[in-house]
C-alpha cells in the first residue's frame, strides 16, 4: 500500500485569536479557509494551520526550544523570504544555506511558535 499525505494541519494554541490570525494573514500571507467559534483555519498552499484561542494556556514562547513546530519545504524560498520581510514578519533566523542541503529561514509568531521555511539546494 502506498501512503500519500494530502496535506497536514498544524493545531496551534494562541492567546489572542484575532492577533494571531492577523499576523498569519498579513505578515505571512496565509489565506483564510474558514472560521468556527474560537478557531481560524488558514493555509499557505498545502501548509495548513488551525489557530485555537486558549487564553489561559502557556504560550509557545514559554516552552523555549519546544516552540518549533514545523519545517515547510517550499519553492522560491528567496522570494518568499523577501515577501515576509516586506510584510513585517518577525524573522527568528535569516535566510541562509545550511550544510544539510537546504536554504532556509525561520519566522516567529506573536505567541512564540517558530516555523522554518526552506528549499532544497
N, C-alpha and C. Protein backbone atom coordinates (compact mmCIF):
# COMPACT_ATOMS: atom_id res chain seq x y z
N UNK A 1 0.84 -1.18 0.00
CA UNK A 1 0.00 0.00 0.00
C UNK A 1 0.89 1.25 0.00
N UNK A 2 0.62 2.14 -0.93
CA UNK A 2 1.34 3.40 -0.97
C UNK A 2 0.63 4.42 -0.09
N UNK A 3 1.40 5.11 0.73
CA UNK A 3 0.83 6.14 1.58
C UNK A 3 1.06 7.50 0.95
N UNK A 4 0.05 8.34 0.99
CA UNK A 4 0.17 9.68 0.43
C UNK A 4 -0.53 10.67 1.36
N UNK A 5 0.22 11.66 1.81
CA UNK A 5 -0.36 12.71 2.63
C UNK A 5 -0.91 13.78 1.70
N UNK A 6 -2.16 14.11 1.83
CA UNK A 6 -2.78 15.14 1.01
C UNK A 6 -2.35 16.52 1.50
N UNK A 7 -2.41 16.73 2.79
CA UNK A 7 -1.87 17.91 3.47
C UNK A 7 -1.87 17.63 4.96
N UNK A 8 -1.19 18.48 5.69
CA UNK A 8 -1.23 18.38 7.14
C UNK A 8 -1.87 19.65 7.67
N UNK A 9 -2.39 19.59 8.87
CA UNK A 9 -2.95 20.77 9.51
C UNK A 9 -2.36 20.82 10.92
N UNK A 10 -1.60 21.86 11.19
CA UNK A 10 -0.95 22.02 12.48
C UNK A 10 -1.89 22.79 13.41
N UNK A 11 -2.11 22.25 14.60
CA UNK A 11 -3.02 22.86 15.57
C UNK A 11 -2.18 23.67 16.56
N UNK A 12 -2.45 24.98 16.63
CA UNK A 12 -1.68 25.87 17.48
C UNK A 12 -2.59 26.58 18.47
N UNK A 13 -2.23 26.52 19.74
CA UNK A 13 -2.93 27.27 20.78
C UNK A 13 -2.39 28.70 20.77
N UNK A 14 -3.29 29.68 20.76
CA UNK A 14 -2.89 31.08 20.76
C UNK A 14 -3.64 31.83 21.85
N UNK A 15 -3.01 32.85 22.40
CA UNK A 15 -3.62 33.65 23.48
C UNK A 15 -4.76 34.52 22.95
N UNK A 16 -4.52 35.18 21.83
CA UNK A 16 -5.48 36.10 21.25
C UNK A 16 -5.67 35.73 19.78
N UNK A 17 -6.80 35.14 19.47
CA UNK A 17 -7.06 34.63 18.13
C UNK A 17 -6.98 35.73 17.08
N UNK A 18 -7.53 36.90 17.37
CA UNK A 18 -7.52 37.99 16.39
C UNK A 18 -6.09 38.42 16.07
N UNK A 19 -5.25 38.56 17.09
CA UNK A 19 -3.86 38.97 16.88
C UNK A 19 -3.10 37.92 16.08
N UNK A 20 -3.22 36.66 16.48
CA UNK A 20 -2.51 35.58 15.79
C UNK A 20 -2.97 35.44 14.34
N UNK A 21 -4.28 35.44 14.12
CA UNK A 21 -4.80 35.28 12.76
C UNK A 21 -4.38 36.44 11.87
N UNK A 22 -4.39 37.64 12.40
CA UNK A 22 -3.96 38.80 11.63
C UNK A 22 -2.50 38.66 11.23
N UNK A 23 -1.65 38.21 12.15
CA UNK A 23 -0.23 38.01 11.84
C UNK A 23 -0.06 36.99 10.72
N UNK A 24 -0.72 35.84 10.85
CA UNK A 24 -0.59 34.81 9.81
C UNK A 24 -1.06 35.33 8.46
N UNK A 25 -2.14 36.09 8.44
CA UNK A 25 -2.68 36.59 7.17
C UNK A 25 -1.88 37.76 6.62
N UNK A 26 -1.56 38.74 7.46
CA UNK A 26 -0.93 39.96 6.96
C UNK A 26 0.59 39.86 6.86
N UNK A 27 1.26 39.27 7.83
CA UNK A 27 2.71 39.21 7.78
C UNK A 27 3.23 37.97 7.05
N UNK A 28 2.50 36.87 7.12
CA UNK A 28 2.96 35.65 6.47
C UNK A 28 2.20 35.31 5.19
N UNK A 29 1.13 36.03 4.88
CA UNK A 29 0.41 35.82 3.64
C UNK A 29 -0.43 34.57 3.58
N UNK A 30 -0.84 34.03 4.73
CA UNK A 30 -1.73 32.87 4.74
C UNK A 30 -3.13 33.29 4.29
N UNK A 31 -3.84 32.37 3.68
CA UNK A 31 -5.23 32.60 3.27
C UNK A 31 -6.17 32.02 4.31
N UNK A 32 -7.30 32.67 4.49
CA UNK A 32 -8.33 32.18 5.41
C UNK A 32 -9.13 31.10 4.70
N UNK A 33 -9.19 29.90 5.29
CA UNK A 33 -10.01 28.82 4.75
C UNK A 33 -11.43 28.92 5.30
N UNK A 34 -11.53 28.98 6.63
CA UNK A 34 -12.84 29.18 7.27
C UNK A 34 -12.63 29.44 8.75
N UNK A 35 -13.69 29.84 9.41
CA UNK A 35 -13.66 30.09 10.85
C UNK A 35 -14.73 29.26 11.52
N UNK A 36 -14.53 29.04 12.79
CA UNK A 36 -15.51 28.39 13.67
C UNK A 36 -15.34 29.09 15.01
N UNK A 37 -16.31 29.01 15.90
CA UNK A 37 -16.17 29.70 17.19
C UNK A 37 -14.85 29.32 17.89
N UNK A 38 -14.00 30.33 18.11
CA UNK A 38 -12.72 30.12 18.78
C UNK A 38 -11.61 29.58 17.89
N UNK A 39 -11.85 29.48 16.58
CA UNK A 39 -10.88 28.88 15.66
C UNK A 39 -10.77 29.68 14.37
N UNK A 40 -9.57 29.67 13.79
CA UNK A 40 -9.33 30.16 12.42
C UNK A 40 -8.53 29.08 11.71
N UNK A 41 -8.95 28.70 10.53
CA UNK A 41 -8.28 27.71 9.70
C UNK A 41 -7.64 28.46 8.53
N UNK A 42 -6.31 28.36 8.41
CA UNK A 42 -5.56 29.15 7.44
C UNK A 42 -4.64 28.26 6.61
N UNK A 43 -4.27 28.74 5.41
CA UNK A 43 -3.41 27.97 4.51
C UNK A 43 -2.37 28.83 3.83
N UNK A 44 -1.21 28.24 3.63
CA UNK A 44 -0.14 28.78 2.79
C UNK A 44 0.13 27.66 1.79
N UNK A 45 -0.65 27.61 0.75
CA UNK A 45 -0.62 26.46 -0.16
C UNK A 45 -1.16 25.25 0.59
N UNK A 46 -0.39 24.16 0.57
CA UNK A 46 -0.82 22.94 1.27
C UNK A 46 -0.36 22.90 2.73
N UNK A 47 0.30 23.94 3.19
CA UNK A 47 0.71 24.05 4.59
C UNK A 47 -0.44 24.73 5.33
N UNK A 48 -1.07 24.00 6.24
CA UNK A 48 -2.30 24.48 6.88
C UNK A 48 -2.15 24.54 8.39
N UNK A 49 -2.79 25.55 8.98
CA UNK A 49 -2.79 25.68 10.44
C UNK A 49 -4.22 25.88 10.93
N UNK A 50 -4.44 25.40 12.14
CA UNK A 50 -5.69 25.64 12.88
C UNK A 50 -5.29 26.43 14.12
N UNK A 51 -5.70 27.68 14.19
CA UNK A 51 -5.41 28.50 15.36
C UNK A 51 -6.58 28.42 16.31
N UNK A 52 -6.32 27.96 17.52
CA UNK A 52 -7.38 27.84 18.54
C UNK A 52 -7.07 28.75 19.71
N UNK A 53 -8.05 29.57 20.07
CA UNK A 53 -7.84 30.52 21.17
C UNK A 53 -7.87 29.80 22.52
N UNK A 54 -6.77 29.94 23.25
CA UNK A 54 -6.60 29.33 24.57
C UNK A 54 -5.96 30.39 25.48
N UNK A 55 -6.75 31.32 25.93
CA UNK A 55 -6.24 32.48 26.67
C UNK A 55 -5.49 32.11 27.95
N UNK A 56 -5.83 31.00 28.59
CA UNK A 56 -5.24 30.65 29.88
C UNK A 56 -4.08 29.67 29.79
N UNK A 57 -3.70 29.27 28.59
CA UNK A 57 -2.61 28.31 28.42
C UNK A 57 -1.25 29.01 28.33
N UNK A 58 -0.18 28.26 28.56
CA UNK A 58 1.18 28.76 28.41
C UNK A 58 1.42 29.08 26.93
N UNK A 59 2.17 30.14 26.67
CA UNK A 59 2.49 30.46 25.28
C UNK A 59 3.57 29.51 24.76
N UNK A 60 3.64 29.40 23.45
CA UNK A 60 4.70 28.59 22.84
C UNK A 60 6.06 29.17 23.20
N UNK A 61 6.15 30.48 23.26
CA UNK A 61 7.41 31.13 23.61
C UNK A 61 7.94 30.63 24.96
N UNK A 62 7.03 30.40 25.91
CA UNK A 62 7.43 29.94 27.25
C UNK A 62 8.01 28.53 27.24
N UNK A 63 7.79 27.78 26.17
CA UNK A 63 8.34 26.43 26.09
C UNK A 63 9.77 26.40 25.55
N UNK A 64 10.31 27.56 25.22
CA UNK A 64 11.69 27.65 24.75
C UNK A 64 11.89 26.92 23.44
N UNK A 65 12.87 26.03 23.42
CA UNK A 65 13.19 25.32 22.18
C UNK A 65 12.05 24.43 21.68
N UNK A 66 11.09 24.16 22.52
CA UNK A 66 9.96 23.33 22.10
C UNK A 66 8.90 24.12 21.33
N UNK A 67 9.16 25.40 21.11
CA UNK A 67 8.21 26.20 20.35
C UNK A 67 8.34 25.96 18.84
N UNK A 68 9.37 25.23 18.40
CA UNK A 68 9.47 24.84 16.99
C UNK A 68 8.34 23.86 16.70
N UNK A 69 7.58 24.09 15.64
CA UNK A 69 6.51 23.13 15.36
C UNK A 69 6.45 22.67 13.92
N UNK A 70 7.14 23.36 13.00
CA UNK A 70 7.05 22.93 11.61
C UNK A 70 8.26 23.37 10.81
N UNK A 71 8.60 22.55 9.84
CA UNK A 71 9.60 22.88 8.84
C UNK A 71 8.93 22.61 7.50
N UNK A 72 8.66 23.65 6.74
CA UNK A 72 7.95 23.52 5.47
C UNK A 72 8.91 23.67 4.31
N UNK A 73 8.97 22.68 3.44
CA UNK A 73 9.75 22.80 2.22
C UNK A 73 8.89 23.50 1.18
N UNK A 74 9.43 24.56 0.61
CA UNK A 74 8.68 25.38 -0.34
C UNK A 74 9.50 25.60 -1.60
N UNK A 75 8.89 26.22 -2.59
CA UNK A 75 9.60 26.67 -3.78
C UNK A 75 9.84 28.17 -3.64
N UNK A 76 10.82 28.68 -4.34
CA UNK A 76 11.09 30.12 -4.38
C UNK A 76 11.36 30.71 -3.00
N UNK A 77 12.20 30.05 -2.22
CA UNK A 77 12.45 30.48 -0.84
C UNK A 77 12.99 31.91 -0.76
N UNK A 78 13.83 32.31 -1.71
CA UNK A 78 14.37 33.66 -1.67
C UNK A 78 13.26 34.71 -1.83
N UNK A 79 12.34 34.45 -2.75
CA UNK A 79 11.23 35.38 -2.98
C UNK A 79 10.27 35.40 -1.79
N UNK A 80 9.99 34.22 -1.21
CA UNK A 80 9.10 34.15 -0.05
C UNK A 80 9.73 34.90 1.13
N UNK A 81 11.02 34.71 1.33
CA UNK A 81 11.72 35.42 2.41
C UNK A 81 11.60 36.93 2.22
N UNK A 82 11.87 37.40 1.00
CA UNK A 82 11.77 38.84 0.72
C UNK A 82 10.35 39.35 0.97
N UNK A 83 9.35 38.56 0.58
CA UNK A 83 7.95 38.95 0.81
C UNK A 83 7.66 39.04 2.30
N UNK A 84 8.09 38.05 3.08
CA UNK A 84 7.85 38.06 4.52
C UNK A 84 8.51 39.26 5.19
N UNK A 85 9.75 39.56 4.79
CA UNK A 85 10.45 40.72 5.34
C UNK A 85 9.68 42.00 5.01
N UNK A 86 9.24 42.12 3.77
CA UNK A 86 8.47 43.30 3.34
C UNK A 86 7.16 43.42 4.11
N UNK A 87 6.53 42.30 4.42
CA UNK A 87 5.26 42.30 5.14
C UNK A 87 5.44 42.57 6.64
N UNK A 88 6.69 42.56 7.12
CA UNK A 88 6.95 42.82 8.52
C UNK A 88 6.93 41.60 9.42
N UNK A 89 7.13 40.41 8.85
CA UNK A 89 7.17 39.19 9.66
C UNK A 89 8.37 39.25 10.60
N UNK A 90 8.22 38.68 11.77
CA UNK A 90 9.32 38.63 12.73
C UNK A 90 10.22 37.46 12.34
N UNK A 91 11.42 37.78 11.88
CA UNK A 91 12.37 36.77 11.43
C UNK A 91 13.20 36.31 12.63
N UNK A 92 13.18 35.02 12.90
CA UNK A 92 13.95 34.45 14.01
C UNK A 92 15.37 34.14 13.57
N UNK A 93 15.53 33.60 12.36
CA UNK A 93 16.85 33.38 11.78
C UNK A 93 16.76 33.72 10.30
N UNK A 94 17.70 34.53 9.81
CA UNK A 94 17.65 34.98 8.41
C UNK A 94 17.92 33.86 7.42
N UNK A 95 17.59 34.12 6.19
CA UNK A 95 17.79 33.17 5.10
C UNK A 95 19.27 32.85 4.95
N UNK A 96 19.57 31.55 4.93
CA UNK A 96 20.95 31.11 4.72
C UNK A 96 20.95 29.68 4.21
N UNK A 97 22.06 29.31 3.59
CA UNK A 97 22.23 27.95 3.09
C UNK A 97 22.83 27.10 4.21
N UNK A 98 22.20 25.99 4.49
CA UNK A 98 22.61 25.11 5.59
C UNK A 98 23.44 23.95 5.06
N UNK A 99 24.30 23.37 5.92
CA UNK A 99 25.15 22.26 5.47
C UNK A 99 24.36 20.99 5.13
N UNK A 100 23.09 20.93 5.52
CA UNK A 100 22.28 19.75 5.22
C UNK A 100 21.54 19.89 3.89
N UNK A 101 21.93 20.88 3.05
CA UNK A 101 21.41 20.97 1.70
C UNK A 101 20.09 21.71 1.57
N UNK A 102 19.79 22.58 2.52
CA UNK A 102 18.55 23.35 2.46
C UNK A 102 18.87 24.82 2.68
N UNK A 103 18.28 25.67 1.89
CA UNK A 103 18.35 27.12 2.09
C UNK A 103 17.09 27.48 2.84
N UNK A 104 17.23 28.04 4.05
CA UNK A 104 16.05 28.23 4.90
C UNK A 104 16.14 29.47 5.77
N UNK A 105 14.97 29.82 6.32
CA UNK A 105 14.85 30.90 7.30
C UNK A 105 13.75 30.51 8.27
N UNK A 106 13.70 31.20 9.40
CA UNK A 106 12.70 30.90 10.42
C UNK A 106 11.97 32.17 10.83
N UNK A 107 10.65 32.04 10.96
CA UNK A 107 9.83 33.14 11.49
C UNK A 107 9.33 32.75 12.87
N UNK A 108 8.89 33.75 13.61
CA UNK A 108 8.31 33.51 14.93
C UNK A 108 6.98 34.26 14.99
N UNK A 109 5.96 33.62 15.56
CA UNK A 109 4.62 34.20 15.64
C UNK A 109 4.46 35.02 16.92
N UNK A 110 3.37 35.76 17.05
CA UNK A 110 3.14 36.54 18.28
C UNK A 110 3.13 35.68 19.56
N UNK A 111 2.75 34.40 19.44
CA UNK A 111 2.73 33.51 20.60
C UNK A 111 4.04 32.76 20.78
N UNK A 112 5.01 32.98 19.88
CA UNK A 112 6.31 32.35 20.00
C UNK A 112 6.49 31.05 19.24
N UNK A 113 5.51 30.65 18.42
CA UNK A 113 5.68 29.46 17.59
C UNK A 113 6.72 29.77 16.53
N UNK A 114 7.66 28.85 16.32
CA UNK A 114 8.69 29.04 15.29
C UNK A 114 8.42 28.11 14.12
N UNK A 115 8.49 28.69 12.91
CA UNK A 115 8.27 27.94 11.68
C UNK A 115 9.47 28.15 10.78
N UNK A 116 10.08 27.07 10.30
CA UNK A 116 11.17 27.16 9.33
C UNK A 116 10.59 26.91 7.95
N UNK A 117 11.00 27.74 7.00
CA UNK A 117 10.65 27.58 5.59
C UNK A 117 11.94 27.38 4.84
N UNK A 118 12.03 26.32 4.04
CA UNK A 118 13.26 26.03 3.33
C UNK A 118 13.03 25.44 1.95
N UNK A 119 14.11 25.47 1.18
CA UNK A 119 14.10 24.88 -0.17
C UNK A 119 15.36 24.06 -0.33
N UNK A 120 15.20 22.86 -0.86
CA UNK A 120 16.37 22.02 -1.12
C UNK A 120 17.24 22.67 -2.17
N UNK A 121 18.57 22.59 -1.95
CA UNK A 121 19.50 23.21 -2.90
C UNK A 121 20.12 22.17 -3.81
